[in-house]
């Protein structure tokens, strides 16, 4: 899983104990990334789940602007 810190802390961490108990063979790896990075990892099949958010308060990274 990849996601931003707040989502990991609020949505994922509280479930880890129950997940381990119910599905002991599941290997969970959590990686902290900003939404654009998490979505890129998802598209690249590097992660199975991406926790993201949509916002328009900040400008996209410069590299993204030059690609558009």
Protein backbone atom coordinates (compact mmCIF):
# COMPACT_ATOMS: atom_id res chain seq x y z
CA UNK A 1 0.00 0.00 0.00
CA UNK A 2 1.10 3.53 -0.69
CA UNK A 3 -0.50 6.61 0.76
CA UNK A 4 -0.12 9.89 2.53
CA UNK A 5 0.68 10.00 6.24
CA UNK A 6 -2.73 11.07 7.54
CA UNK A 7 -4.60 8.35 5.66
CA UNK A 8 -2.13 5.73 6.79
CA UNK A 9 -2.37 6.84 10.41
CA UNK A 10 -6.16 7.27 10.53
CA UNK A 11 -7.45 4.63 8.13
CA UNK A 12 -4.86 1.90 7.89
CA UNK A 13 -2.94 1.58 11.15
CA UNK A 14 -6.06 0.89 13.25
CA UNK A 15 -6.83 -2.13 11.01
CA UNK A 16 -3.40 -3.78 10.97
CA UNK A 17 -3.93 -5.89 14.10
CA UNK A 18 -7.25 -7.24 12.87
CA UNK A 19 -5.80 -7.92 9.42
CA UNK A 20 -2.88 -9.87 10.91
CA UNK A 21 -5.25 -11.87 13.10
CA UNK A 22 -7.77 -12.70 10.37
CA UNK A 23 -5.28 -13.16 7.51
CA UNK A 24 -1.91 -14.14 8.96
CA UNK A 25 -0.44 -15.00 5.55
CA UNK A 26 -0.96 -11.49 4.13
CA UNK A 27 2.28 -9.55 3.91
CA UNK A 28 1.48 -5.85 4.25
CA UNK A 29 4.06 -3.26 3.25
CA UNK A 30 3.14 0.39 3.80
CA UNK A 31 4.93 3.16 1.92
CA UNK A 32 4.35 6.84 2.51
CA UNK A 33 3.98 8.87 -0.67
CA UNK A 34 2.19 11.96 -1.89
CA UNK A 35 -0.87 11.28 -4.10
CA UNK A 36 0.87 11.70 -7.47
CA UNK A 37 3.67 9.35 -6.42
CA UNK A 38 1.22 6.79 -5.00
CA UNK A 39 -0.83 6.81 -8.20
CA UNK A 40 2.32 6.37 -10.29
CA UNK A 41 3.27 3.34 -8.17
CA UNK A 42 -0.23 1.95 -8.64
CA UNK A 43 -0.06 2.47 -12.41
CA UNK A 44 3.37 0.83 -12.46
CA UNK A 45 1.96 -2.17 -10.54
CA UNK A 46 4.44 -1.52 -7.73
CA UNK A 47 1.64 -1.36 -5.14
CA UNK A 48 -1.84 -2.90 -4.99
CA UNK A 49 -3.59 -0.03 -3.20
CA UNK A 50 -3.02 3.74 -3.20
CA UNK A 51 -4.62 6.00 -0.61
CA UNK A 52 -4.82 9.44 -2.20
CA UNK A 53 -6.75 12.67 -2.10
CA UNK A 54 -7.76 15.20 -4.71
CA UNK A 55 -6.93 18.83 -4.13
CA UNK A 56 -6.42 21.94 -6.18
CA UNK A 57 -4.92 24.29 -3.59
CA UNK A 58 -1.33 23.62 -4.62
CA UNK A 59 0.22 23.84 -8.05
CA UNK A 60 1.32 20.55 -9.62
CA UNK A 61 5.03 19.74 -9.42
CA UNK A 62 7.15 21.54 -12.02
CA UNK A 63 7.98 18.29 -13.83
CA UNK A 64 4.25 17.64 -14.27
CA UNK A 65 3.68 21.12 -15.70
CA UNK A 66 6.39 20.69 -18.31
CA UNK A 67 4.90 17.34 -19.40
CA UNK A 68 1.44 18.83 -20.02
